[in-house]
Protein backbone atom coordinates (compact mmCIF):
# COMPACT_ATOMS: atom_id res chain seq x y z
CA UNK A 1 19.07 -5.38 -10.83
CA UNK A 2 16.02 -5.26 -13.12
CA UNK A 3 15.49 -1.61 -12.27
CA UNK A 4 19.10 -0.64 -12.99
CA UNK A 5 18.96 -2.52 -16.29
CA UNK A 6 15.89 -0.56 -17.35
CA UNK A 7 17.52 2.73 -16.44
CA UNK A 8 20.69 1.82 -18.32
CA UNK A 9 18.67 0.81 -21.37
CA UNK A 10 16.72 4.05 -21.32
CA UNK A 11 19.86 6.14 -21.00
CA UNK A 12 21.41 4.15 -23.82
CA UNK A 13 18.44 4.95 -26.04
CA UNK A 14 19.00 8.67 -25.60
CA UNK A 15 22.76 8.47 -26.10
CA UNK A 16 22.44 6.39 -29.26
CA UNK A 17 19.82 8.74 -30.63
CA UNK A 18 22.16 11.67 -30.36
CA UNK A 19 24.70 9.79 -32.47
CA UNK A 20 22.19 8.61 -35.08
CA UNK A 21 21.75 10.28 -38.47
CA UNK A 22 18.57 12.26 -38.83
CA UNK A 23 16.34 13.04 -41.73
CA UNK A 24 14.51 16.37 -42.00
CA UNK A 25 10.74 16.22 -42.26
CA UNK A 26 9.49 15.88 -45.82
CA UNK A 27 7.08 18.25 -47.52
CA UNK A 28 4.61 15.41 -48.01
CA UNK A 29 4.62 14.70 -44.29
CA UNK A 30 4.08 18.39 -43.57
CA UNK A 31 1.00 18.30 -45.77
CA UNK A 32 -0.51 15.57 -43.58
CA UNK A 33 -0.45 17.87 -40.55
CA UNK A 34 -2.50 20.53 -42.37
CA UNK A 35 -6.18 19.90 -41.54
CA UNK A 36 -9.01 20.35 -44.03
CA UNK A 37 -11.27 23.40 -43.85
CA UNK A 38 -14.16 21.32 -42.52
CA UNK A 39 -13.90 18.82 -39.66
CA UNK A 40 -16.27 15.95 -38.81
CA UNK A 41 -19.04 16.65 -36.31
CA UNK A 42 -18.19 13.93 -33.79
CA UNK A 43 -15.39 14.08 -31.24
CA UNK A 44 -12.78 11.42 -31.96
CA UNK A 45 -13.85 11.09 -35.59
CA UNK A 46 -10.98 10.33 -37.97
CA UNK A 47 -10.06 13.16 -40.33
CA UNK A 48 -7.37 11.23 -42.19
CA UNK A 49 -4.81 8.48 -41.75
CA UNK A 50 -1.73 7.14 -43.51
CA UNK A 51 0.87 4.42 -42.94
CA UNK A 52 3.85 5.60 -40.90
CA UNK A 53 7.27 4.04 -40.63
CA UNK A 54 8.53 3.40 -37.11
CA UNK A 55 12.13 4.48 -37.48
CA UNK A 56 13.16 3.88 -33.90
CA UNK A 57 15.67 1.22 -32.91
CA UNK A 58 17.45 0.72 -29.62
CA UNK A 59 19.62 -1.92 -27.93
CA UNK A 60 17.85 -4.68 -26.01
CA UNK A 61 19.37 -8.02 -25.05
CA UNK A 62 22.54 -7.23 -26.96
CA UNK A 63 20.89 -6.48 -30.29
CA UNK A 64 19.15 -3.63 -32.08
CA UNK A 65 15.43 -3.75 -31.45
CA UNK A 66 12.56 -1.90 -33.09
CA UNK A 67 9.15 -1.15 -31.67
CA UNK A 68 7.16 -4.35 -32.24
CA UNK A 69 4.27 -3.03 -34.27
CA UNK A 70 2.90 -1.27 -37.33
CA UNK A 71 2.14 2.43 -37.15
CA UNK A 72 -0.55 4.61 -38.68
CA UNK A 73 -0.34 8.39 -38.53
CA UNK A 74 -3.77 9.79 -37.69
CA UNK A 75 -5.62 13.07 -37.50
CA UNK A 76 -8.85 13.31 -35.56
CA UNK A 77 -11.31 15.86 -34.25
CA UNK A 78 -11.48 17.08 -30.65
CA UNK A 79 -13.16 19.94 -28.79
CA UNK A 80 -11.12 22.63 -27.06
CA UNK A 81 -11.68 24.57 -23.85
CA UNK A 82 -13.11 27.32 -26.04
CA UNK A 83 -15.79 24.93 -27.31
CA UNK A 84 -14.45 24.91 -30.86
CA UNK A 85 -13.50 21.95 -33.01
CA UNK A 86 -9.79 21.29 -33.50
CA UNK A 87 -7.80 18.79 -35.55
CA UNK A 88 -5.23 16.82 -33.56
CA UNK A 89 -2.56 14.54 -34.99
CA UNK A 90 -1.11 11.41 -33.43
CA UNK A 91 -0.11 7.84 -34.12
CA UNK A 92 -1.71 4.44 -33.58
CA UNK A 93 0.56 1.39 -33.23
CA UNK A 94 -0.83 -2.10 -33.85
CA UNK A 95 1.32 -4.60 -31.93
CA UNK A 96 2.96 -7.49 -33.71
CA UNK A 97 2.91 -9.40 -30.42
CA UNK A 98 -0.10 -11.43 -29.33
CA UNK A 99 -2.21 -10.27 -26.40
CA UNK A 100 -2.26 -13.18 -23.96
CA UNK A 101 -4.37 -11.49 -21.31
CA UNK A 102 -8.08 -11.47 -20.61
CA UNK A 103 -10.56 -10.51 -23.32
CA UNK A 104 -9.97 -8.69 -26.59
CA UNK A 105 -6.75 -6.84 -27.32
CA UNK A 106 -6.67 -3.71 -25.12
CA UNK A 107 -5.55 -0.17 -25.92
CA UNK A 108 -3.51 2.39 -24.01
CA UNK A 109 -4.02 6.05 -24.79
CA UNK A 110 -0.49 7.26 -24.07
CA UNK A 111 0.11 10.92 -23.21
CA UNK A 112 3.74 11.97 -23.46
CA UNK A 113 5.66 14.20 -21.08
CA UNK A 114 6.84 17.68 -22.00
CA UNK A 115 8.21 17.88 -25.53
CA UNK A 116 7.97 21.62 -26.14
CA UNK A 117 5.54 23.68 -28.21
CA UNK A 118 7.04 23.75 -31.72
CA UNK A 119 5.60 21.44 -34.36
CA UNK A 120 8.96 19.65 -34.60
CA UNK A 121 8.37 18.36 -31.06
CA UNK A 122 5.25 16.36 -31.98
CA UNK A 123 5.58 12.82 -30.59
CA UNK A 124 4.25 11.30 -33.81
CA UNK A 125 7.35 12.72 -35.48
CA UNK A 126 9.83 11.46 -32.88
CA UNK A 127 8.26 8.01 -33.07
CA UNK A 128 9.08 8.06 -36.77
CA UNK A 129 12.67 9.27 -36.37
CA UNK A 130 13.48 9.25 -32.63
CA UNK A 131 15.52 12.41 -33.24
CA UNK A 132 13.35 14.73 -35.31
CA UNK A 133 15.05 17.72 -36.94
CA UNK A 134 12.77 20.34 -38.44
CA UNK A 135 13.17 24.11 -38.92
CA UNK A 136 16.37 24.10 -36.82
CA UNK A 137 14.53 22.43 -33.93
CA UNK A 138 15.11 18.92 -32.68
CA UNK A 139 13.41 16.58 -30.26
CA UNK A 140 14.23 13.11 -28.92
CA UNK A 141 11.54 10.47 -28.38
CA UNK A 142 12.43 9.74 -24.76
CA UNK A 143 9.12 7.95 -24.03
CA UNK A 144 9.99 5.07 -26.38
CA UNK A 145 10.91 2.50 -23.65
CA UNK A 146 7.49 2.88 -22.02
CA UNK A 147 5.69 2.51 -25.36
CA UNK A 148 7.85 -0.51 -26.21
CA UNK A 149 6.79 -2.20 -22.98
CA UNK A 150 3.10 -1.99 -23.78
CA UNK A 151 3.58 -3.19 -27.36
CA UNK A 152 5.71 -6.08 -26.14
CA UNK A 153 2.81 -7.10 -23.89
CA UNK A 154 0.49 -7.10 -26.90
CA UNK A 155 -1.26 -3.88 -25.90
CA UNK A 156 -2.13 -1.48 -28.73
CA UNK A 157 -0.99 2.12 -28.20
CA UNK A 158 -2.32 5.43 -29.47
CA UNK A 159 -0.27 8.57 -28.83
CA UNK A 160 -1.79 12.02 -29.13
CA UNK A 161 0.24 15.01 -30.29
CA UNK A 162 -2.09 17.27 -28.25
CA UNK A 163 -3.76 20.40 -29.60
CA UNK A 164 -1.42 22.56 -31.71
CA UNK A 165 1.61 20.26 -31.52
CA UNK A 166 2.17 19.15 -35.11
CA UNK A 167 -1.02 20.76 -36.38
CA UNK A 168 -1.32 24.56 -36.87
CA UNK A 169 -2.02 26.90 -34.00
CA UNK A 170 -0.84 27.36 -30.41
CA UNK A 171 0.02 24.24 -28.45
CA UNK A 172 -2.16 24.79 -25.37
CA UNK A 173 0.46 23.47 -22.98
CA UNK A 174 -0.99 22.22 -19.68
CA UNK A 175 -4.56 23.18 -20.55
CA UNK A 176 -6.43 20.45 -18.69
CA UNK A 177 -9.50 20.39 -20.95
CA UNK A 178 -7.60 20.44 -24.25
CA UNK A 179 -5.18 17.76 -23.08
CA UNK A 180 -7.76 15.54 -21.40
CA UNK A 181 -10.11 15.70 -24.37
CA UNK A 182 -7.28 15.01 -26.83
CA UNK A 183 -6.30 11.87 -24.88
CA UNK A 184 -9.88 10.56 -24.83
CA UNK A 185 -10.53 11.43 -28.47
CA UNK A 186 -7.31 9.65 -29.46
CA UNK A 187 -8.80 6.47 -27.99
CA UNK A 188 -12.02 7.06 -29.94
CA UNK A 189 -10.02 7.58 -33.13
CA UNK A 190 -8.03 4.37 -32.56
CA UNK A 191 -11.25 2.38 -32.13
CA UNK A 192 -12.60 3.90 -35.36
CA UNK A 193 -9.47 3.17 -37.40
CA UNK A 194 -10.15 0.42 -39.98
CA UNK A 195 -8.09 -2.76 -40.08
CA UNK A 196 -6.96 -2.95 -36.44
CA UNK A 197 -7.44 -5.82 -33.99
CA UNK A 198 -9.33 -3.59 -31.55
CA UNK A 199 -13.03 -4.14 -30.89
CA UNK A 200 -15.79 -2.26 -29.10
CA UNK A 201 -15.08 -4.51 -26.12
CA UNK A 202 -11.39 -3.59 -25.90
CA UNK A 203 -10.41 -2.30 -22.50
CA UNK A 204 -8.65 1.08 -22.47
CA UNK A 205 -5.95 2.33 -20.13
CA UNK A 206 -4.58 5.86 -19.72
CA UNK A 207 -0.87 6.41 -19.11
CA UNK A 208 1.25 9.52 -18.71
CA UNK A 209 4.05 11.17 -16.76
CA UNK A 210 4.74 14.89 -16.18
CA UNK A 211 2.73 16.82 -18.79
CA UNK A 212 1.42 13.40 -19.77
CA UNK A 213 0.47 12.68 -16.17
CA UNK A 214 -1.56 15.87 -16.10
CA UNK A 215 -3.19 14.90 -19.39
CA UNK A 216 -4.00 11.37 -18.18
CA UNK A 217 -5.36 12.75 -14.90
CA UNK A 218 -7.52 15.31 -16.68
CA UNK A 219 -8.78 12.61 -19.06
CA UNK A 220 -9.65 10.30 -16.16
CA UNK A 221 -11.81 12.89 -14.43
CA UNK A 222 -13.35 14.30 -17.63
CA UNK A 223 -14.25 10.89 -19.06
CA UNK A 224 -17.54 10.32 -17.15
CA UNK A 225 -19.10 13.31 -18.92
CA UNK A 226 -16.97 13.75 -22.07
CA UNK A 227 -16.49 10.13 -23.14
CA UNK A 228 -18.76 7.88 -21.04
CA UNK A 229 -18.93 5.22 -23.76
CA UNK A 230 -15.23 4.35 -23.57
CA UNK A 231 -14.41 1.09 -21.78
CA UNK A 232 -11.82 2.67 -19.50
CA UNK A 233 -10.12 0.41 -16.97
CA UNK A 234 -7.54 2.56 -15.18
CA UNK A 235 -5.24 5.56 -15.37
CA UNK A 236 -1.58 5.94 -14.41
CA UNK A 237 -0.98 9.57 -13.44
CA UNK A 238 2.76 10.07 -12.94
CA UNK A 239 4.41 13.28 -11.73
CA UNK A 240 1.26 15.29 -12.50
CA UNK A 241 1.22 19.11 -12.65
CA UNK A 242 -2.25 19.24 -11.07
CA UNK A 243 -1.89 22.71 -9.54
CA UNK A 244 -0.13 25.03 -11.97
CA UNK A 245 0.32 27.81 -9.41
CA UNK A 246 2.40 25.50 -7.20
CA UNK A 247 4.28 24.13 -10.21
CA UNK A 248 5.01 27.70 -11.35
CA UNK A 249 6.93 28.11 -8.11
CA UNK A 250 8.79 24.78 -8.24
CA UNK A 251 9.86 25.07 -11.89
CA UNK A 252 11.07 28.67 -11.59
CA UNK A 253 14.86 28.81 -11.66
CA UNK A 254 15.18 25.23 -12.94
CA UNK A 255 16.42 23.95 -16.28
CA UNK A 256 12.77 24.07 -17.39
CA UNK A 257 11.95 27.68 -16.48
CA UNK A 258 10.91 27.99 -20.13
CA UNK A 259 7.75 26.02 -19.35
CA UNK A 260 6.37 29.16 -17.68
CA UNK A 261 6.15 31.26 -20.88
CA UNK A 262 4.72 28.19 -22.65
CA UNK A 263 1.92 28.14 -20.08
CA UNK A 264 1.41 31.89 -20.41
CA UNK A 265 0.93 31.58 -24.17
CA UNK A 266 -1.43 28.63 -23.66
CA UNK A 267 -3.59 30.54 -21.17
CA UNK A 268 -3.67 33.57 -23.42
CA UNK A 269 -4.96 31.49 -26.34
CA UNK A 270 -8.45 31.41 -24.78
CA UNK A 271 -8.19 34.49 -22.59
CA UNK A 272 -7.22 37.60 -24.61
CA UNK A 273 -8.38 39.65 -21.62
CA UNK A 274 -5.08 38.76 -19.96
CA UNK A 275 -3.14 41.04 -22.33
CA UNK A 276 -3.34 44.16 -20.11
CA UNK A 277 -1.87 42.20 -17.21
CA UNK A 278 1.10 41.11 -19.32
CA UNK A 279 1.68 44.74 -20.28
CA UNK A 280 1.46 45.75 -16.62
CA UNK A 281 3.65 43.04 -15.07
CA UNK A 282 6.18 41.91 -17.68
CA UNK A 283 9.25 43.90 -18.69
CA UNK A 284 10.88 44.02 -22.13
CA UNK A 285 13.11 41.02 -21.46
CA UNK A 286 10.09 39.06 -20.30
CA UNK A 287 8.05 39.96 -23.39
CA UNK A 288 10.96 38.85 -25.56
CA UNK A 289 11.14 35.55 -23.64
CA UNK A 290 7.41 34.93 -24.08
CA UNK A 291 7.69 35.59 -27.81
CA UNK A 292 10.84 33.49 -28.23
CA UNK A 293 9.26 30.57 -26.38
CA UNK A 294 6.53 30.13 -29.01
CA UNK A 295 8.74 27.98 -31.26
CA UNK A 296 10.77 25.86 -28.87
CA UNK A 297 11.32 22.23 -28.08
CA UNK A 298 12.70 21.23 -24.67
CA UNK A 299 16.36 21.58 -25.67
CA UNK A 300 15.72 25.08 -27.04
CA UNK A 301 14.04 26.14 -23.81
CA UNK A 302 16.88 24.76 -21.68
CA UNK A 303 19.50 26.55 -23.78
CA UNK A 304 17.56 29.82 -23.78
CA UNK A 305 16.17 29.98 -20.25
CA UNK A 306 17.69 27.15 -18.22
CA UNK A 307 18.28 28.02 -14.53
CA UNK A 308 16.98 31.58 -15.04
CA UNK A 309 14.52 33.04 -12.56
CA UNK A 310 11.42 34.83 -13.77
CA UNK A 311 12.31 37.80 -11.57
CA UNK A 312 14.42 38.87 -14.57
CA UNK A 313 11.23 39.15 -16.60
CA UNK A 314 8.94 41.09 -14.24
CA UNK A 315 8.73 44.85 -13.76
CA UNK A 316 8.53 44.35 -9.99
CA UNK A 317 11.58 42.10 -9.76
CA UNK A 318 9.38 39.48 -8.09
CA UNK A 319 9.09 35.89 -9.24
CA UNK A 320 6.16 35.36 -11.60
CA UNK A 321 4.14 33.41 -9.02
CA UNK A 322 4.33 36.30 -6.55
CA UNK A 323 2.93 38.73 -9.12
CA UNK A 324 0.22 36.29 -10.22
CA UNK A 325 -0.87 35.85 -6.59
CA UNK A 326 -1.64 39.58 -6.37
CA UNK A 327 -3.89 39.62 -9.45
CA UNK A 328 -7.23 37.78 -8.95
CA UNK A 329 -7.89 37.56 -12.71
CA UNK A 330 -4.52 35.92 -13.37
CA UNK A 331 -4.84 33.67 -10.35
CA UNK A 332 -8.25 32.44 -11.54
CA UNK A 333 -6.90 31.76 -15.05
CA UNK A 334 -4.20 29.56 -13.54
CA UNK A 335 -6.58 27.97 -11.04
CA UNK A 336 -9.01 27.03 -13.82
CA UNK A 337 -6.43 24.40 -14.84
CA UNK A 338 -6.56 22.68 -11.45
CA UNK A 339 -6.97 18.90 -11.70
CA UNK A 340 -8.73 17.10 -8.85
CA UNK A 341 -12.10 18.83 -8.66
CA UNK A 342 -13.90 16.07 -10.55
CA UNK A 343 -14.16 12.40 -9.56
CA UNK A 344 -12.63 9.69 -11.77
CA UNK A 345 -14.83 6.60 -11.95
CA UNK A 346 -11.91 4.29 -12.81
CA UNK A 347 -8.97 3.25 -10.62
CA UNK A 348 -6.11 5.75 -10.72
CA UNK A 349 -2.52 5.51 -9.59
CA UNK A 350 -0.85 8.79 -8.63
CA UNK A 351 2.95 8.55 -8.50
CA UNK A 352 5.29 11.35 -7.42
CA UNK A 353 8.90 11.75 -6.38
CA UNK A 354 9.10 13.19 -2.87
CA UNK A 355 11.90 15.60 -3.88
CA UNK A 356 10.72 16.33 -7.42
CA UNK A 357 12.55 19.51 -8.44
CA UNK A 358 10.25 20.43 -11.34
CA UNK A 359 6.68 19.33 -10.56
CA UNK A 360 6.18 20.00 -6.84
CA UNK A 361 5.56 16.84 -4.82
CA UNK A 362 3.07 18.43 -2.44
CA UNK A 363 0.56 19.35 -5.11
CA UNK A 364 0.79 15.87 -6.68
CA UNK A 365 0.03 14.27 -3.32
CA UNK A 366 -2.83 16.73 -2.89
CA UNK A 367 -4.31 15.50 -6.18
CA UNK A 368 -4.45 11.98 -4.75
CA UNK A 369 -6.02 13.28 -1.54
CA UNK A 370 -8.56 15.36 -3.47
CA UNK A 371 -9.65 12.35 -5.49
CA UNK A 372 -9.75 10.22 -2.34
CA UNK A 373 -12.04 12.79 -0.71
CA UNK A 374 -14.44 12.36 -3.62
CA UNK A 375 -14.56 8.60 -3.14
CA UNK A 376 -12.33 7.62 -6.08
CA UNK A 377 -10.28 4.41 -6.11
CA UNK A 378 -6.77 5.85 -5.73
CA UNK A 379 -3.41 4.16 -5.34
CA UNK A 380 -1.02 6.84 -4.08
CA UNK A 381 2.65 5.95 -4.67
CA UNK A 382 5.31 8.32 -3.32
CA UNK A 383 8.81 7.52 -4.59
CA UNK A 384 11.15 8.28 -1.71
CA UNK A 385 14.01 10.60 -2.68
CA UNK A 386 16.63 11.79 -0.20
CA UNK A 387 17.42 15.16 -1.80
CA UNK A 388 16.35 17.39 -4.66
CA UNK A 389 18.59 17.79 -7.68
CA UNK A 390 18.18 21.55 -7.42
CA UNK A 391 16.41 22.26 -10.68
CA UNK A 392 18.55 19.94 -12.83
CA UNK A 393 15.45 17.77 -13.46
CA UNK A 394 17.09 14.56 -12.18
CA UNK A 395 14.62 13.99 -9.35
CA UNK A 396 11.76 14.71 -11.75
CA UNK A 397 12.98 12.39 -14.51
CA UNK A 398 14.18 9.68 -12.13
CA UNK A 399 10.75 8.15 -11.40
CA UNK A 400 9.87 8.31 -15.10
CA UNK A 401 12.76 5.92 -15.78
CA UNK A 402 12.85 3.77 -12.66
CA UNK A 403 9.11 3.28 -12.18
CA UNK A 404 7.94 2.79 -15.76
CA UNK A 405 7.97 -1.01 -15.48
CA UNK A 406 5.84 -1.15 -12.33
CA UNK A 407 3.55 1.60 -13.65
CA UNK A 408 3.02 -0.33 -16.88
CA UNK A 409 2.35 -3.53 -14.92
CA UNK A 410 -0.27 -1.71 -12.86
CA UNK A 411 -2.08 -0.57 -16.02
CA UNK A 412 -1.87 -4.04 -17.60
CA UNK A 413 -3.36 -5.53 -14.42
CA UNK A 414 -6.35 -3.21 -14.83
CA UNK A 415 -6.66 -4.23 -18.49
CA UNK A 416 -6.69 -7.85 -17.32
CA UNK A 417 -9.62 -7.11 -15.05
CA UNK A 418 -7.71 -7.38 -11.79
CA UNK A 419 -9.12 -5.09 -9.09
CA UNK A 420 -7.03 -2.22 -7.74
CA UNK A 421 -6.64 -1.77 -4.01
CA UNK A 422 -7.05 1.84 -2.93
CA UNK A 423 -4.79 3.14 -0.15
CA UNK A 424 -6.85 6.27 0.48
CA UNK A 425 -7.21 5.33 4.15
CA UNK A 426 -3.46 5.73 4.70
CA UNK A 427 -2.47 8.11 1.88
CA UNK A 428 -2.38 11.17 4.12
CA UNK A 429 0.14 9.45 6.38
CA UNK A 430 2.53 8.69 3.53
CA UNK A 431 5.27 11.13 2.46
C-alpha cells in the first residue's frame, strides 16, 4: 500500500507539472550560469552563489506541499577527464526540518538521472520551476520526490548540474570521471557554502539512479584518490550504466535511442581523434542526428529518435554497437568509461531491474560482482520483473519510483552510522 501510494504521488507530480504555468528563464539567471574567466585553484571551491526560489509544489496528504528547505544556486570548480578546470552549476538545499539522527546534520550529494544535454535541462533549473521552458526546450524535475524525502528527514541535499549542463560547453554525458568528480566536488562546495548547518563532521551520502547511478558509482570509486577528505558513509547506485558498450545495445531501438548520439558527442569532446571513424562509419542521416542531438532534453530526443534503430545511421546498415566492436580505437574509447575497475571504500548498494529495457540488467549486476571481487562492501538488490516493456522505458523507470523509499532509507541508515551487511557471498546466485 505504501509503495503504491508513493508511485501514485510521483505520477501525480508529473501530471500536475504538465498542467502548471511555466516561466521562461530570465536574463539575470542566464548570467549566473556564465563562469568568470578565472576559476579558483581548488576542486570544489565556490565560484559564486545566490539565493534561489524553490518553485516546486506537489500534492501530499491532500494538500499542496513544497520542498521543505531553502535553496542556494551555486557554481563551483571541478576537474575534467582532460585534466582541465571547469565550472559546474548546481543547487544546495538547507532543510527546514530538524535532523533527529546521529551526529551533525548530514548531506547527500544527489546525482540526477538523464535530463538531456541542453542547458534548459539543468536540474538546478527544474528545481526552481519543475517544468523549465527555455529556448523552445522543456524539462520536468522528475527526481523531486526523492529529494523531498531526504529533506523531510532533515538531510541537506546538493544537486550537481554536471559538466556542461547549465554552464557553457558540451555536457559530457556518461563520462565517468567528469560525472564522478562533479558529484564529489558538489559535496565540497556545499561544505564550503557559508551560513549552512553543515560541519566538517557531517556525514555524506551519494545517491543516484540511471545516469545518476553511474555518477554516484563513479564518485564512490574515485573518492579514495580524488576526495579522500570527505566523510563519505555510503552510496546508492541505482540502475547504473556501468558498461556503456552493453548499454549501447540495450538502449538501441528504445524511446531513448537519442542517448547514443549524446554519448558520441561526449566521447568526442576529449577525443578529437575519433572524427575519422565517424566519417567512415556514419551516414548523412546519422551525422544529422548527432548534430541535432546537441541541444536536446529528454522529450526532444524521444520525439526525434524514439524507437529508431541506429542501423538507420550507419553506412554498413549495422547497429552502432556492431560497428564499434570492429574498431579497437572506438571500443577502447567506450571501454574507458567502464565503472567497476576501482574499489569503493564505503558501503554501496547496487539496484537493478531484472528486465530493465534501457540500462541492461546484466552489466549492472556485473558492476556489483566486480566491486565484490575487489573486496568492497556491496549490497546487490535485483528488482524482479516478469517482462521487459520493450524499449518503452517502463521497466527502467519502475524501480526509480517504487524503490526510492527503501533506497533513501538505506542511505539514511548509513548516515546514522548503522553498518551495512554485504551480500557478496550470494550475489552471483541472485537474478
